[in-house]
Amino acid sequence: MNYQATVNEILDSIGGVDNIRNAEHCATRLRLILKDNDKVNSEKAKNIEQISGYFYQSGQHQFIIGTGKVSHVYDTLKKALGGEFESTDFKQDAFADMTISQKLVRTLADILIPLIPALVTTGLLMGLRGMLLHSGAQFSAETLALFSMLTDTAFAFLPVLIAFSAAKKFGGNTIIAIVVGLMMVAPQLPNAWAVANGAAEPMMVKLFGFDFPLVGYQGTVLPAIFAGWFVAYLERNLRRFIPASMDLVFTPFLTITIAVFVILFGFGPILQTIEHGCTSLVRMALELPMGIGYILFGAVQQMIVITGLHHALGVIEIGLLNETGANPIQPLATASMAGQFGAAIAVATLLKDKVKKGNAYGASMSTLFGITEPLLFGVNLQYGKVFMFGMIGGAVGGLVTYVLGISATGMGITFLPGVLLYSQSLTAVIGYLCVIASAFATSFLLTRFYNPIKRA
């Protein structure tokens, strides 16, 4: 790639170097935030020869360049700007240009994504335990207890992790947030799982003449996010009138006391009910007869990715893992990805132009590791019915998921890395690979048969 020529074409399509406010890059894409979006010529941007595509999402103009090459393009662009951008806080600049719904989803993502390594590890450990038990390994009670410590701790103390992450996101005291999170799962409160299974009763507390049923918040997400935000909000506002000489004692005292009271007797039960309701709705949809829910989700999941709303699904996945110990959304998301992947590879095999063919393959490869935006915007959405064929492939993969009863033991990784979440048995691994193969083959054959390149 001629990096300077590529940068020149990018600058020409966005209104020049003076229109750039900020820039960064990920594994495959150059992301730009501009001063004036009206100066962008999207047709020019999409037709830059040496890149795989262009799209605008979440306040960012994104150019799909490819692994390895994107960092060189970024460095060349930075030189063109004299080494510095007008603004240094890219995330804040991007956030300012988002819609309200995009800001909400982005906030959820910023809070939950840092937790993914812990949740992935927990899922892998669950799979390892299942594999060992399935193979006939015998464990003592003490060994099983230690395994339970490895697999259950992250979910049992999930509100602590989320409250910490939320407080960090909103600029609050993370230590105070951790304390509040610990109080939400304190052993003095009836365990939420035990209450749900009928093994314990809620604690009834009389307040203002009313009886309030209290339970712990094990495995919940929304109440913990509220806790992290509320800690930051209280701390910030209490300091407005508490003298500096008394701040060290009274600010944390009032923050913890008020936060716990509001969570236990106010917003906590409401948010807990909303979260359980959302999880129940998803479970009901997935339990529709003849796998209809699975088919629909496999078809449309990548459509959700296009809108950027897929980050919100993390709340549902955590809820499913918490309530059932299984995550059917993971294989369904992979089925949807595999469908789009098959359609894109079919397009790549049909293209005659070597540059376009190489760009199509390059944009597609990141899908193998769960990153589909380059493929979606760089290939499938540019060729008529190709995206629809990918949806059909995803639907077939969803049906196979339903028929084989495939569910993951964790979350956070999809497609090829997602195989690790099925290590509990060889049957589970084979079933997962069948989901991928069926979705890929369906969309690949449909796209090849239709031949969008010939019809273009």
Protein backbone atom coordinates (compact mmCIF):
# COMPACT_ATOMS: atom_id res chain seq x y z
CA MET A 1 0.00 0.00 0.00
CA ASN A 2 1.12 3.54 -0.82
CA TYR A 3 0.33 5.06 2.59
CA GLN A 4 0.83 8.68 1.56
CA ALA A 5 -1.44 8.27 -1.49
CA THR A 6 -4.10 6.62 0.68
CA VAL A 7 -3.94 9.43 3.23
CA ASN A 8 -4.20 12.01 0.45
CA GLU A 9 -7.37 10.35 -0.87
CA ILE A 10 -8.84 10.15 2.63
CA LEU A 11 -8.13 13.83 3.23
CA ASP A 12 -9.66 14.72 -0.14
CA SER A 13 -12.87 12.84 0.78
CA ILE A 14 -13.31 14.46 4.21
CA GLY A 15 -12.70 18.11 3.36
CA GLY A 16 -8.98 18.36 4.00
CA VAL A 17 -6.59 18.12 6.88
CA ASP A 18 -8.03 21.20 8.60
CA ASN A 19 -11.39 19.42 9.06
CA ILE A 20 -9.94 16.77 11.40
CA ARG A 21 -10.61 17.24 15.11
CA ASN A 22 -9.31 13.91 16.36
CA ALA A 23 -8.22 10.47 15.15
CA GLU A 24 -7.32 7.01 16.38
CA HIS A 25 -7.23 3.49 15.00
CA CYS A 26 -8.23 -0.02 16.09
CA ALA A 27 -7.02 -3.34 14.67
CA THR A 28 -8.50 -2.75 11.21
CA ARG A 29 -9.99 0.75 10.98
CA LEU A 30 -8.88 4.37 10.96
CA ARG A 31 -11.40 6.40 12.98
CA LEU A 32 -11.80 10.15 12.44
CA ILE A 33 -13.84 12.78 14.25
CA LEU A 34 -14.38 15.85 12.09
CA LYS A 35 -15.22 19.47 12.78
CA ASP A 36 -17.80 19.62 9.98
CA ASN A 37 -19.43 16.38 8.83
CA ASP A 38 -21.13 18.17 5.93
CA LYS A 39 -17.79 18.47 4.13
CA VAL A 40 -17.52 14.68 3.72
CA ASN A 41 -17.97 13.20 0.26
CA SER A 42 -19.07 9.67 1.16
CA GLU A 43 -18.91 8.44 -2.44
CA LYS A 44 -15.27 9.49 -2.71
CA ALA A 45 -14.56 7.84 0.65
CA LYS A 46 -16.16 4.55 -0.41
CA ASN A 47 -14.27 4.48 -3.71
CA ILE A 48 -10.74 4.86 -2.34
CA GLU A 49 -8.99 1.99 -4.11
CA GLN A 50 -6.53 0.80 -1.49
CA ILE A 51 -9.02 0.48 1.38
CA SER A 52 -11.87 -1.98 1.95
CA GLY A 53 -14.62 0.52 2.70
CA TYR A 54 -15.92 3.52 4.61
CA PHE A 55 -18.84 4.08 6.99
CA TYR A 56 -20.03 6.58 9.59
CA GLN A 57 -21.09 5.23 12.97
CA SER A 58 -21.23 6.47 16.56
CA GLY A 59 -19.93 9.92 15.66
CA GLN A 60 -16.89 8.50 13.85
CA HIS A 61 -15.89 8.33 10.18
CA GLN A 62 -14.35 4.89 9.86
CA PHE A 63 -12.07 3.76 7.02
CA ILE A 64 -11.51 0.00 6.77
CA ILE A 65 -7.82 -0.45 5.98
CA GLY A 66 -6.78 -3.79 7.42
CA THR A 67 -4.59 -5.29 10.11
CA GLY A 68 -1.02 -4.00 10.10
CA LYS A 69 -1.59 -1.40 7.39
CA VAL A 70 -3.90 0.78 9.47
CA SER A 71 -1.18 1.79 11.93
CA HIS A 72 1.04 2.98 9.05
CA VAL A 73 -1.81 5.01 7.56
CA TYR A 74 -2.49 6.53 10.98
CA ASP A 75 1.17 7.50 11.43
CA THR A 76 1.25 9.05 7.95
CA LEU A 77 -1.92 11.00 8.71
CA LYS A 78 -0.47 12.22 11.98
CA LYS A 79 2.57 13.56 10.15
CA ALA A 80 0.28 15.43 7.76
CA LEU A 81 -1.29 17.14 10.79
CA GLY A 82 2.09 18.12 12.21
CA GLY A 83 2.14 15.37 14.80
CA GLU A 84 -0.80 16.54 16.92
CA PHE A 85 -4.59 16.56 16.68
CA GLU A 86 -6.77 19.46 17.79
CA SER A 87 -8.19 17.39 20.66
CA THR A 88 -6.53 14.65 22.72
CA ASP A 89 -9.60 12.95 24.23
CA PHE A 90 -10.93 10.83 21.36
CA LYS A 91 -13.57 8.97 23.37
CA GLN A 92 -15.06 12.18 24.73
CA ASP A 93 -15.13 13.78 21.28
CA ALA A 94 -16.86 10.73 19.79
CA PHE A 95 -19.31 10.59 22.70
CA ALA A 96 -20.32 14.21 22.16
CA ASP A 97 -21.43 13.47 18.57
CA MET A 98 -23.59 10.45 19.46
CA THR A 99 -27.37 10.26 19.77
CA ILE A 100 -28.91 9.61 23.21
CA SER A 101 -29.42 5.90 22.49
CA GLN A 102 -25.84 5.59 21.21
CA LYS A 103 -24.54 7.35 24.33
CA LEU A 104 -26.50 4.94 26.55
CA VAL A 105 -25.17 1.86 24.75
CA ARG A 106 -21.63 3.28 24.67
CA THR A 107 -21.79 3.88 28.42
CA LEU A 108 -22.94 0.30 29.01
CA ALA A 109 -20.10 -0.95 26.83
CA ASP A 110 -17.49 1.16 28.64
CA ILE A 111 -18.66 -0.31 31.95
CA LEU A 112 -19.07 -3.96 30.92
CA ILE A 113 -16.22 -4.50 28.42
CA PRO A 114 -13.47 -4.22 31.10
CA LEU A 115 -15.19 -7.14 32.91
CA ILE A 116 -15.07 -9.48 29.91
CA PRO A 117 -11.66 -11.07 30.73
CA ALA A 118 -12.99 -12.17 34.13
CA LEU A 119 -16.25 -13.47 32.66
CA VAL A 120 -14.46 -15.28 29.81
CA THR A 121 -12.11 -16.92 32.32
CA THR A 122 -15.07 -18.02 34.42
CA GLY A 123 -16.74 -19.55 31.36
CA LEU A 124 -13.56 -21.39 30.39
CA LEU A 125 -13.20 -22.78 33.91
CA MET A 126 -16.82 -23.95 33.82
CA GLY A 127 -16.11 -25.69 30.53
CA LEU A 128 -12.95 -27.28 31.95
CA ARG A 129 -14.87 -28.58 34.97
CA GLY A 130 -17.57 -29.98 32.68
CA MET A 131 -14.98 -31.66 30.46
CA LEU A 132 -13.26 -33.32 33.41
CA LEU A 133 -16.52 -34.52 34.92
CA HIS A 134 -17.75 -35.72 31.51
CA SER A 135 -14.55 -37.72 31.02
CA GLY A 136 -15.23 -39.59 34.25
CA ALA A 137 -12.69 -37.87 36.50
CA GLN A 138 -13.37 -38.33 40.21
CA PHE A 139 -13.04 -35.36 42.58
CA SER A 140 -13.15 -35.11 46.32
CA ALA A 141 -15.63 -32.75 47.97
CA GLU A 142 -12.76 -30.39 48.73
CA THR A 143 -11.59 -30.32 45.10
CA LEU A 144 -15.11 -29.61 43.86
CA ALA A 145 -15.39 -26.82 46.42
CA LEU A 146 -12.19 -25.29 45.08
CA PHE A 147 -13.52 -25.59 41.52
CA SER A 148 -16.72 -23.84 42.63
CA MET A 149 -14.59 -21.05 44.04
CA LEU A 150 -12.98 -20.64 40.61
CA THR A 151 -16.24 -20.76 38.64
CA ASP A 152 -18.71 -18.99 40.94
CA THR A 153 -16.80 -16.11 42.56
CA ALA A 154 -16.92 -13.69 39.61
CA PHE A 155 -20.70 -13.99 39.31
CA ALA A 156 -21.32 -14.01 43.06
CA PHE A 157 -19.42 -10.72 43.39
CA LEU A 158 -20.36 -9.34 39.99
CA PRO A 159 -22.08 -6.23 41.47
CA VAL A 160 -18.77 -5.33 43.13
CA LEU A 161 -16.92 -5.48 39.80
CA ILE A 162 -19.63 -3.55 37.99
CA ALA A 163 -19.96 -0.88 40.69
CA PHE A 164 -16.19 -0.38 40.54
CA SER A 165 -16.21 -0.10 36.73
CA ALA A 166 -19.22 2.25 36.73
CA ALA A 167 -17.72 4.52 39.38
CA LYS A 168 -14.51 4.67 37.36
CA LYS A 169 -16.50 5.56 34.24
CA PHE A 170 -18.41 8.34 36.00
CA GLY A 171 -15.45 9.74 37.92
CA GLY A 172 -16.35 8.51 41.41
CA ASN A 173 -14.31 7.01 44.24
CA THR A 174 -13.83 3.39 43.18
CA ILE A 175 -13.02 2.18 46.71
CA ILE A 176 -16.32 3.53 48.02
CA ALA A 177 -18.08 1.90 45.06
CA ILE A 178 -16.44 -1.43 45.94
CA VAL A 179 -17.70 -1.12 49.53
CA VAL A 180 -21.25 -0.38 48.34
CA GLY A 181 -21.03 -3.30 45.91
CA LEU A 182 -19.93 -5.62 48.71
CA MET A 183 -22.86 -4.48 50.82
CA MET A 184 -25.20 -5.37 47.94
CA VAL A 185 -24.07 -9.03 48.18
CA ALA A 186 -23.41 -9.09 51.94
CA PRO A 187 -24.13 -12.48 53.61
CA GLN A 188 -26.57 -10.73 55.97
CA LEU A 189 -28.98 -10.37 53.02
CA PRO A 190 -30.78 -13.49 51.74
CA ASN A 191 -28.93 -14.83 48.70
CA ALA A 192 -30.80 -13.89 45.51
CA TRP A 193 -30.24 -17.34 43.95
CA ALA A 194 -31.46 -19.11 47.09
CA VAL A 195 -34.61 -16.95 47.14
CA ALA A 196 -35.24 -17.59 43.43
CA ASN A 197 -34.93 -21.37 44.01
CA GLY A 198 -37.24 -21.30 47.02
CA ALA A 199 -34.46 -22.24 49.44
CA ALA A 200 -34.70 -18.93 51.33
CA GLU A 201 -37.20 -16.17 52.02
CA PRO A 202 -36.69 -12.42 51.50
CA MET A 203 -35.83 -10.39 54.58
CA MET A 204 -38.87 -8.29 55.54
CA VAL A 205 -37.96 -4.85 56.87
CA LYS A 206 -40.59 -2.41 58.13
CA LEU A 207 -39.99 1.18 57.03
CA PHE A 208 -42.43 4.11 57.22
CA GLY A 209 -45.17 1.63 58.08
CA PHE A 210 -44.52 -0.54 54.99
CA ASP A 211 -42.89 -3.95 54.73
CA PHE A 212 -39.97 -4.03 52.30
CA PRO A 213 -38.68 -7.43 51.08
CA LEU A 214 -34.89 -7.37 50.78
CA VAL A 215 -32.68 -9.84 48.91
CA GLY A 216 -29.07 -9.76 47.78
CA TYR A 217 -28.04 -8.61 44.32
CA GLN A 218 -25.90 -11.58 43.29
CA GLY A 219 -25.36 -11.64 39.50
CA THR A 220 -27.27 -8.43 38.77
CA VAL A 221 -26.06 -5.69 36.45
CA LEU A 222 -28.38 -2.66 36.36
CA PRO A 223 -28.53 -2.08 40.15
CA ALA A 224 -24.73 -2.24 40.29
CA ILE A 225 -24.37 0.24 37.42
CA PHE A 226 -26.76 2.55 39.26
CA ALA A 227 -24.69 2.09 42.44
CA GLY A 228 -21.47 3.14 40.68
CA TRP A 229 -23.14 6.17 39.09
CA PHE A 230 -24.90 7.19 42.32
CA VAL A 231 -21.69 6.97 44.34
CA ALA A 232 -19.99 9.31 41.85
CA TYR A 233 -23.00 11.66 41.83
CA LEU A 234 -23.28 11.82 45.63
CA GLU A 235 -19.57 12.28 46.21
CA ARG A 236 -19.36 15.09 43.66
CA ASN A 237 -22.36 16.98 45.05
CA LEU A 238 -21.64 16.44 48.76
CA ARG A 239 -18.28 18.14 48.34
CA ARG A 240 -20.08 21.32 47.31
CA PHE A 241 -21.12 22.06 50.88
CA ILE A 242 -18.97 19.84 53.13
CA PRO A 243 -15.94 21.83 54.37
CA ALA A 244 -12.57 20.57 53.15
CA SER A 245 -11.46 19.97 56.75
CA MET A 246 -14.35 17.47 57.22
CA ASP A 247 -14.30 15.95 53.74
CA LEU A 248 -12.19 12.89 54.60
CA VAL A 249 -14.73 11.64 57.15
CA PHE A 250 -18.16 12.98 56.24
CA THR A 251 -18.12 12.61 52.43
CA PRO A 252 -17.50 8.82 52.39
CA PHE A 253 -19.78 8.33 55.43
CA LEU A 254 -22.73 10.09 53.81
CA THR A 255 -21.99 8.65 50.36
CA ILE A 256 -22.02 5.02 51.55
CA THR A 257 -24.97 5.46 53.93
CA ILE A 258 -27.22 7.29 51.47
CA ALA A 259 -26.23 5.07 48.53
CA VAL A 260 -26.97 1.81 50.33
CA PHE A 261 -30.30 3.13 51.65
CA VAL A 262 -31.42 4.32 48.20
CA ILE A 263 -30.32 1.06 46.55
CA LEU A 264 -31.94 -1.28 49.09
CA PHE A 265 -35.20 0.62 49.52
CA GLY A 266 -35.51 2.52 46.27
CA PHE A 267 -33.99 1.98 42.87
CA GLY A 268 -32.35 -1.38 43.55
CA PRO A 269 -35.53 -3.52 43.60
CA ILE A 270 -36.97 -1.61 40.62
CA LEU A 271 -33.87 -2.10 38.47
CA GLN A 272 -33.56 -5.71 39.60
CA THR A 273 -37.15 -6.35 38.47
CA ILE A 274 -36.53 -4.63 35.10
CA GLU A 275 -33.38 -6.69 34.52
CA HIS A 276 -35.09 -9.98 35.38
CA GLY A 277 -38.00 -8.96 33.12
CA CYS A 278 -35.68 -8.32 30.15
CA THR A 279 -33.94 -11.65 30.66
CA SER A 280 -37.29 -13.44 30.93
CA LEU A 281 -38.51 -11.83 27.70
CA VAL A 282 -35.41 -13.04 25.85
CA ARG A 283 -35.86 -16.52 27.29
CA MET A 284 -39.50 -16.53 26.23
CA ALA A 285 -38.52 -15.45 22.70
CA LEU A 286 -35.90 -18.20 22.49
CA GLU A 287 -38.45 -20.75 23.70
CA LEU A 288 -40.88 -20.05 20.85
CA PRO A 289 -41.95 -23.30 19.13
CA MET A 290 -39.91 -24.87 16.31
CA GLY A 291 -36.88 -22.70 17.10
CA ILE A 292 -38.46 -19.53 15.69
CA GLY A 293 -36.69 -17.35 18.26
CA TYR A 294 -33.33 -18.93 17.49
CA ILE A 295 -33.87 -18.51 13.74
CA LEU A 296 -34.83 -14.85 14.06
CA PHE A 297 -31.95 -13.99 16.37
CA GLY A 298 -29.44 -15.75 14.13
CA ALA A 299 -30.78 -13.75 11.18
CA VAL A 300 -30.85 -10.26 12.72
CA GLN A 301 -27.97 -10.18 15.22
CA GLN A 302 -25.59 -8.59 12.71
CA MET A 303 -28.25 -6.04 11.85
CA ILE A 304 -28.09 -5.04 15.53
CA VAL A 305 -24.30 -4.73 15.17
CA ILE A 306 -24.79 -2.23 12.33
CA THR A 307 -26.76 0.03 14.69
CA GLY A 308 -24.11 -0.31 17.40
CA LEU A 309 -26.71 -1.57 19.91
CA HIS A 310 -25.14 -5.03 20.27
CA HIS A 311 -23.14 -3.93 23.32
CA ALA A 312 -26.40 -3.80 25.29
CA LEU A 313 -26.81 -7.55 24.80
CA GLY A 314 -24.09 -8.07 27.40
CA VAL A 315 -26.64 -7.35 30.14
CA ILE A 316 -28.89 -10.11 28.77
CA GLU A 317 -26.00 -12.58 28.43
CA ILE A 318 -24.96 -11.99 32.05
CA GLY A 319 -28.58 -12.46 33.13
CA LEU A 320 -28.88 -15.76 31.24
CA LEU A 321 -25.63 -17.08 32.68
CA ASN A 322 -26.69 -15.98 36.14
CA GLU A 323 -30.17 -17.56 35.97
CA THR A 324 -29.55 -20.65 33.83
CA GLY A 325 -25.80 -21.20 33.71
CA ALA A 326 -25.95 -21.27 29.89
CA ASN A 327 -25.65 -18.62 27.19
CA PRO A 328 -27.46 -19.42 23.90
CA ILE A 329 -26.84 -15.88 22.60
CA GLN A 330 -23.13 -16.66 22.06
CA PRO A 331 -23.66 -19.44 19.46
CA LEU A 332 -26.48 -17.44 17.85
CA ALA A 333 -24.21 -14.41 17.48
CA THR A 334 -21.55 -16.67 15.99
CA ALA A 335 -24.14 -18.15 13.59
CA SER A 336 -25.05 -14.65 12.44
CA MET A 337 -21.36 -13.79 11.95
CA ALA A 338 -20.70 -17.03 10.07
CA GLY A 339 -23.62 -16.29 7.73
CA GLN A 340 -22.23 -12.87 6.83
CA PHE A 341 -18.72 -14.33 6.60
CA GLY A 342 -19.84 -16.96 4.08
CA ALA A 343 -21.55 -14.31 1.94
CA ALA A 344 -18.47 -12.06 1.98
CA ILE A 345 -16.06 -14.87 1.07
CA ALA A 346 -18.37 -15.78 -1.81
CA VAL A 347 -18.18 -12.17 -3.04
CA ALA A 348 -14.38 -12.25 -2.77
CA THR A 349 -14.20 -15.41 -4.90
CA LEU A 350 -16.39 -13.78 -7.55
CA LEU A 351 -14.46 -10.52 -7.85
CA LYS A 352 -12.07 -10.28 -10.80
CA ASP A 353 -10.23 -7.10 -9.84
CA LYS A 354 -7.21 -8.15 -7.75
CA VAL A 355 -7.27 -5.07 -5.52
CA LYS A 356 -10.97 -5.42 -4.75
CA LYS A 357 -10.58 -9.15 -4.21
CA GLY A 358 -7.73 -8.58 -1.78
CA ASN A 359 -9.67 -5.88 0.05
CA ALA A 360 -12.71 -8.17 0.37
CA TYR A 361 -10.62 -11.00 1.82
CA GLY A 362 -8.81 -8.57 4.12
CA ALA A 363 -12.05 -7.07 5.43
CA SER A 364 -13.46 -10.54 6.06
CA MET A 365 -10.62 -12.13 8.05
CA SER A 366 -11.25 -10.19 11.28
CA THR A 367 -14.67 -11.91 11.44
CA LEU A 368 -12.91 -15.13 12.43
CA PHE A 369 -12.09 -13.39 15.73
CA GLY A 370 -15.50 -11.78 16.26
CA ILE A 371 -14.98 -8.37 14.57
CA THR A 372 -17.51 -8.00 11.75
CA GLU A 373 -17.81 -4.27 11.03
CA PRO A 374 -15.10 -4.29 8.30
CA LEU A 375 -16.88 -7.14 6.52
CA LEU A 376 -20.36 -5.63 6.90
CA PHE A 377 -19.55 -2.11 5.74
CA GLY A 378 -16.66 -2.98 3.43
CA VAL A 379 -18.26 -5.88 1.53
CA ASN A 380 -21.77 -7.16 2.23
CA LEU A 381 -23.69 -3.88 2.43
CA GLN A 382 -22.09 -2.72 -0.82
CA TYR A 383 -23.38 -5.59 -2.96
CA GLY A 384 -27.17 -5.56 -3.06
CA LYS A 385 -28.70 -8.72 -1.64
CA VAL A 386 -25.47 -10.11 -0.17
CA PHE A 387 -26.31 -8.96 3.35
CA MET A 388 -29.72 -10.65 3.04
CA PHE A 389 -28.03 -13.92 2.02
CA GLY A 390 -25.84 -13.56 5.11
CA MET A 391 -29.00 -13.20 7.21
CA ILE A 392 -30.43 -16.38 5.70
CA GLY A 393 -27.20 -18.18 6.57
CA GLY A 394 -27.43 -16.85 10.13
CA ALA A 395 -31.03 -18.09 10.34
CA VAL A 396 -29.96 -21.58 9.28
CA GLY A 397 -27.19 -21.49 11.88
CA GLY A 398 -29.80 -20.41 14.45
CA LEU A 399 -31.97 -23.40 13.55
CA VAL A 400 -28.99 -25.75 13.94
CA THR A 401 -28.25 -24.15 17.33
CA TYR A 402 -31.84 -24.91 18.39
CA VAL A 403 -31.86 -28.49 17.04
CA LEU A 404 -28.53 -29.39 18.66
CA GLY A 405 -29.26 -27.49 21.89
CA ILE A 406 -26.00 -25.51 21.76
CA SER A 407 -25.19 -23.08 24.59
CA ALA A 408 -21.95 -21.51 25.80
CA THR A 409 -20.62 -21.59 29.34
CA GLY A 410 -19.49 -17.96 29.17
CA MET A 411 -19.48 -14.80 27.10
CA GLY A 412 -17.20 -12.23 25.52
CA ILE A 413 -15.62 -14.32 22.74
CA THR A 414 -17.22 -15.57 19.53
CA PHE A 415 -16.47 -17.44 16.30
CA LEU A 416 -13.12 -19.32 16.44
CA PRO A 417 -12.00 -18.20 19.95
CA GLY A 418 -15.52 -19.08 21.11
CA VAL A 419 -14.71 -22.80 20.69
CA LEU A 420 -12.99 -22.53 24.09
CA LEU A 421 -16.38 -21.99 25.73
CA TYR A 422 -17.43 -25.50 24.64
CA SER A 423 -14.53 -27.42 26.11
CA GLN A 424 -16.88 -29.32 28.44
CA SER A 425 -17.25 -32.05 25.80
CA LEU A 426 -16.26 -33.04 22.29
CA THR A 427 -19.96 -33.19 21.40
CA ALA A 428 -20.39 -29.53 22.34
CA VAL A 429 -17.36 -28.51 20.23
CA ILE A 430 -18.63 -30.47 17.21
CA GLY A 431 -22.11 -28.96 17.63
CA TYR A 432 -20.65 -25.44 17.74
CA LEU A 433 -18.58 -26.07 14.61
CA CYS A 434 -21.71 -27.44 12.88
CA VAL A 435 -23.47 -24.14 13.63
CA ILE A 436 -20.62 -22.22 11.98
CA ALA A 437 -20.38 -24.58 9.01
CA SER A 438 -24.13 -24.60 8.28
CA ALA A 439 -24.41 -20.79 8.40
CA PHE A 440 -21.28 -20.30 6.29
CA ALA A 441 -22.20 -22.89 3.65
CA THR A 442 -25.77 -21.60 3.24
CA SER A 443 -24.83 -17.97 2.63
CA PHE A 444 -21.77 -18.88 0.55
CA LEU A 445 -23.79 -21.05 -1.86
CA LEU A 446 -26.67 -18.56 -2.10
CA THR A 447 -24.30 -15.70 -2.90
CA ARG A 448 -22.34 -17.73 -5.43
CA PHE A 449 -25.56 -18.82 -7.14
CA TYR A 450 -26.97 -15.27 -7.26
CA ASN A 451 -23.60 -13.76 -8.31
CA PRO A 452 -24.05 -10.09 -7.30
CA ILE A 453 -20.90 -9.08 -9.22
CA LYS A 454 -22.38 -10.21 -12.51
CA ARG A 455 -25.65 -8.41 -11.79
CA ALA A 456 -23.98 -5.17 -10.65
